Amino acid sequence: MENTEQFNIRLPKSLIYDLEYITQQLKVNRNEWIRLNLAKMIKTDKEDIIWEFENKYIQGLLTDKEFKELVGFNPSEGVKELRKDYLEVNI
C-alpha cells in the first residue's frame, strides 16, 4: 500500500447533499469518488502550472536553473527547441 496521509475538511451541508446525490446516482463509494476527482483536479492544476513555467521559459523569462528549481526537472529538448525558435524570432 502506498504511503498516505489523512486530512479532514468541513463541507457545507448543501455540498454534502449534492455529493450524496452524485454518488447514489453513479452507484459509487463517496470516499472513492472524492479521492478520484481530487486526484484529477490536482493533476490538472499541476499540469497547468508546469505549462505556465514552460511558457515563461520559452519566452526567456526563466533560465534553465530557475525552471528546474520551480518545476523539479530540467526543460525537455522539445521545450528547449521552442525556446530557441521563439528567441530567434523575438530578439
C-alpha atoms as a PDB file:
ATOM      1  CA  MET A   1       0.000   0.000   0.000  1.00  0.00           C
ATOM      2  CA  GLU A   2       1.367   3.412  -0.878  1.00  0.00           C
ATOM      3  CA  ASN A   3       2.079   5.973   1.792  1.00  0.00           C
ATOM      4  CA  THR A   4      -0.962   8.047   2.611  1.00  0.00           C
ATOM      5  CA  GLU A   5      -1.879  10.944   4.816  1.00  0.00           C
ATOM      6  CA  GLN A   6      -5.302  11.662   6.200  1.00  0.00           C
ATOM      7  CA  PHE A   7      -6.766  15.133   6.495  1.00  0.00           C
ATOM      8  CA  ASN A   8     -10.204  16.314   7.459  1.00  0.00           C
ATOM      9  CA  ILE A   9     -12.229  19.017   5.747  1.00  0.00           C
ATOM     10  CA  ARG A  10     -15.505  20.666   6.564  1.00  0.00           C
ATOM     11  CA  LEU A  11     -18.029  20.980   3.766  1.00  0.00           C
ATOM     12  CA  PRO A  12     -21.324  22.842   3.672  1.00  0.00           C
ATOM     13  CA  LYS A  13     -24.342  20.578   4.071  1.00  0.00           C
ATOM     14  CA  SER A  14     -25.633  21.589   0.646  1.00  0.00           C
ATOM     15  CA  LEU A  15     -22.425  20.288  -0.893  1.00  0.00           C
ATOM     16  CA  ILE A  16     -22.719  17.032   1.057  1.00  0.00           C
ATOM     17  CA  TYR A  17     -26.287  16.597  -0.204  1.00  0.00           C
ATOM     18  CA  ASP A  18     -25.090  17.140  -3.775  1.00  0.00           C
ATOM     19  CA  LEU A  19     -22.241  14.690  -3.229  1.00  0.00           C
ATOM     20  CA  GLU A  20     -24.662  12.096  -1.887  1.00  0.00           C
ATOM     21  CA  TYR A  21     -26.892  12.586  -4.910  1.00  0.00           C
ATOM     22  CA  ILE A  22     -23.995  12.108  -7.316  1.00  0.00           C
ATOM     23  CA  THR A  23     -22.611   9.023  -5.598  1.00  0.00           C
ATOM     24  CA  GLN A  24     -26.043   7.422  -5.321  1.00  0.00           C
ATOM     25  CA  GLN A  25     -26.788   8.018  -8.992  1.00  0.00           C
ATOM     26  CA  LEU A  26     -23.375   6.745 -10.074  1.00  0.00           C
ATOM     27  CA  LYS A  27     -23.529   3.907  -7.553  1.00  0.00           C
ATOM     28  CA  VAL A  28     -20.021   4.619  -6.286  1.00  0.00           C
ATOM     29  CA  ASN A  29     -18.493   4.976  -2.859  1.00  0.00           C
ATOM     30  CA  ARG A  30     -18.423   8.597  -1.682  1.00  0.00           C
ATOM     31  CA  ASN A  31     -14.814   8.468  -0.498  1.00  0.00           C
ATOM     32  CA  GLU A  32     -13.638   6.849  -3.728  1.00  0.00           C
ATOM     33  CA  TRP A  33     -15.460   9.478  -5.810  1.00  0.00           C
ATOM     34  CA  ILE A  34     -13.871  12.287  -3.781  1.00  0.00           C
ATOM     35  CA  ARG A  35     -10.419  10.681  -3.995  1.00  0.00           C
ATOM     36  CA  LEU A  36     -10.661  10.179  -7.768  1.00  0.00           C
ATOM     37  CA  ASN A  37     -11.951  13.667  -8.502  1.00  0.00           C
ATOM     38  CA  LEU A  38      -9.476  15.341  -6.166  1.00  0.00           C
ATOM     39  CA  ALA A  39      -6.652  13.464  -7.900  1.00  0.00           C
ATOM     40  CA  LYS A  40      -7.933  14.666 -11.304  1.00  0.00           C
ATOM     41  CA  MET A  41      -8.082  18.270 -10.093  1.00  0.00           C
ATOM     42  CA  ILE A  42      -4.600  18.128  -8.596  1.00  0.00           C
ATOM     43  CA  LYS A  43      -3.135  16.608 -11.766  1.00  0.00           C
ATOM     44  CA  THR A  44      -4.817  19.213 -13.975  1.00  0.00           C
ATOM     45  CA  ASP A  45      -3.693  22.126 -11.816  1.00  0.00           C
ATOM     46  CA  LYS A  46      -0.138  20.782 -11.664  1.00  0.00           C
ATOM     47  CA  GLU A  47      -0.048  20.430 -15.459  1.00  0.00           C
ATOM     48  CA  ASP A  48      -1.382  23.993 -15.845  1.00  0.00           C
ATOM     49  CA  ILE A  49       1.292  25.368 -13.508  1.00  0.00           C
ATOM     50  CA  ILE A  50       4.071  23.493 -15.333  1.00  0.00           C
ATOM     51  CA  TRP A  51       2.686  24.736 -18.652  1.00  0.00           C
ATOM     52  CA  GLU A  52       2.897  28.325 -17.351  1.00  0.00           C
ATOM     53  CA  PHE A  53       6.535  27.808 -16.328  1.00  0.00           C
ATOM     54  CA  GLU A  54       7.275  26.254 -19.727  1.00  0.00           C
ATOM     55  CA  ASN A  55       5.823  29.311 -21.431  1.00  0.00           C
ATOM     56  CA  LYS A  56       7.914  31.641 -19.265  1.00  0.00           C
ATOM     57  CA  TYR A  57      10.974  29.545 -20.055  1.00  0.00           C
ATOM     58  CA  ILE A  58      10.234  29.592 -23.783  1.00  0.00           C
ATOM     59  CA  GLN A  59       9.869  33.384 -23.674  1.00  0.00           C
ATOM     60  CA  GLY A  60      13.256  33.689 -21.994  1.00  0.00           C
ATOM     61  CA  LEU A  61      11.814  34.802 -18.656  1.00  0.00           C
ATOM     62  CA  LEU A  62      13.349  31.834 -16.809  1.00  0.00           C
ATOM     63  CA  THR A  63      16.800  30.289 -17.038  1.00  0.00           C
ATOM     64  CA  ASP A  64      17.368  26.536 -17.144  1.00  0.00           C
ATOM     65  CA  LYS A  65      18.316  26.640 -13.459  1.00  0.00           C
ATOM     66  CA  GLU A  66      15.245  28.676 -12.454  1.00  0.00           C
ATOM     67  CA  PHE A  67      12.983  26.361 -14.437  1.00  0.00           C
ATOM     68  CA  LYS A  68      14.420  23.287 -12.695  1.00  0.00           C
ATOM     69  CA  GLU A  69      14.101  24.903  -9.260  1.00  0.00           C
ATOM     70  CA  LEU A  70      10.440  25.772  -9.878  1.00  0.00           C
ATOM     71  CA  VAL A  71       9.339  22.596 -11.646  1.00  0.00           C
ATOM     72  CA  GLY A  72      11.672  19.970 -10.252  1.00  0.00           C
ATOM     73  CA  PHE A  73      13.116  18.764 -13.545  1.00  0.00           C
ATOM     74  CA  ASN A  74      15.049  20.151 -16.500  1.00  0.00           C
ATOM     75  CA  PRO A  75      13.211  21.512 -19.546  1.00  0.00           C
ATOM     76  CA  SER A  76      12.696  18.880 -22.230  1.00  0.00           C
ATOM     77  CA  GLU A  77      14.558  19.031 -25.520  1.00  0.00           C
ATOM     78  CA  GLY A  78      11.282  19.984 -27.225  1.00  0.00           C
ATOM     79  CA  VAL A  79      10.770  22.927 -24.879  1.00  0.00           C
ATOM     80  CA  LYS A  80      14.398  23.985 -25.366  1.00  0.00           C
ATOM     81  CA  GLU A  81      13.868  23.916 -29.131  1.00  0.00           C
ATOM     82  CA  LEU A  82      10.705  26.015 -28.819  1.00  0.00           C
ATOM     83  CA  ARG A  83      12.666  28.498 -26.701  1.00  0.00           C
ATOM     84  CA  LYS A  84      15.420  28.696 -29.292  1.00  0.00           C
ATOM     85  CA  ASP A  85      12.925  29.303 -32.097  1.00  0.00           C
ATOM     86  CA  TYR A  86      10.977  31.877 -30.061  1.00  0.00           C
ATOM     87  CA  LEU A  87      14.064  33.818 -29.059  1.00  0.00           C
ATOM     88  CA  GLU A  88      15.418  33.848 -32.627  1.00  0.00           C
ATOM     89  CA  VAL A  89      12.204  35.448 -33.880  1.00  0.00           C
ATOM     90  CA  ASN A  90      11.558  37.819 -30.980  1.00  0.00           C
ATOM     91  CA  ILE A  91      15.017  39.171 -30.167  1.00  0.00           C
END
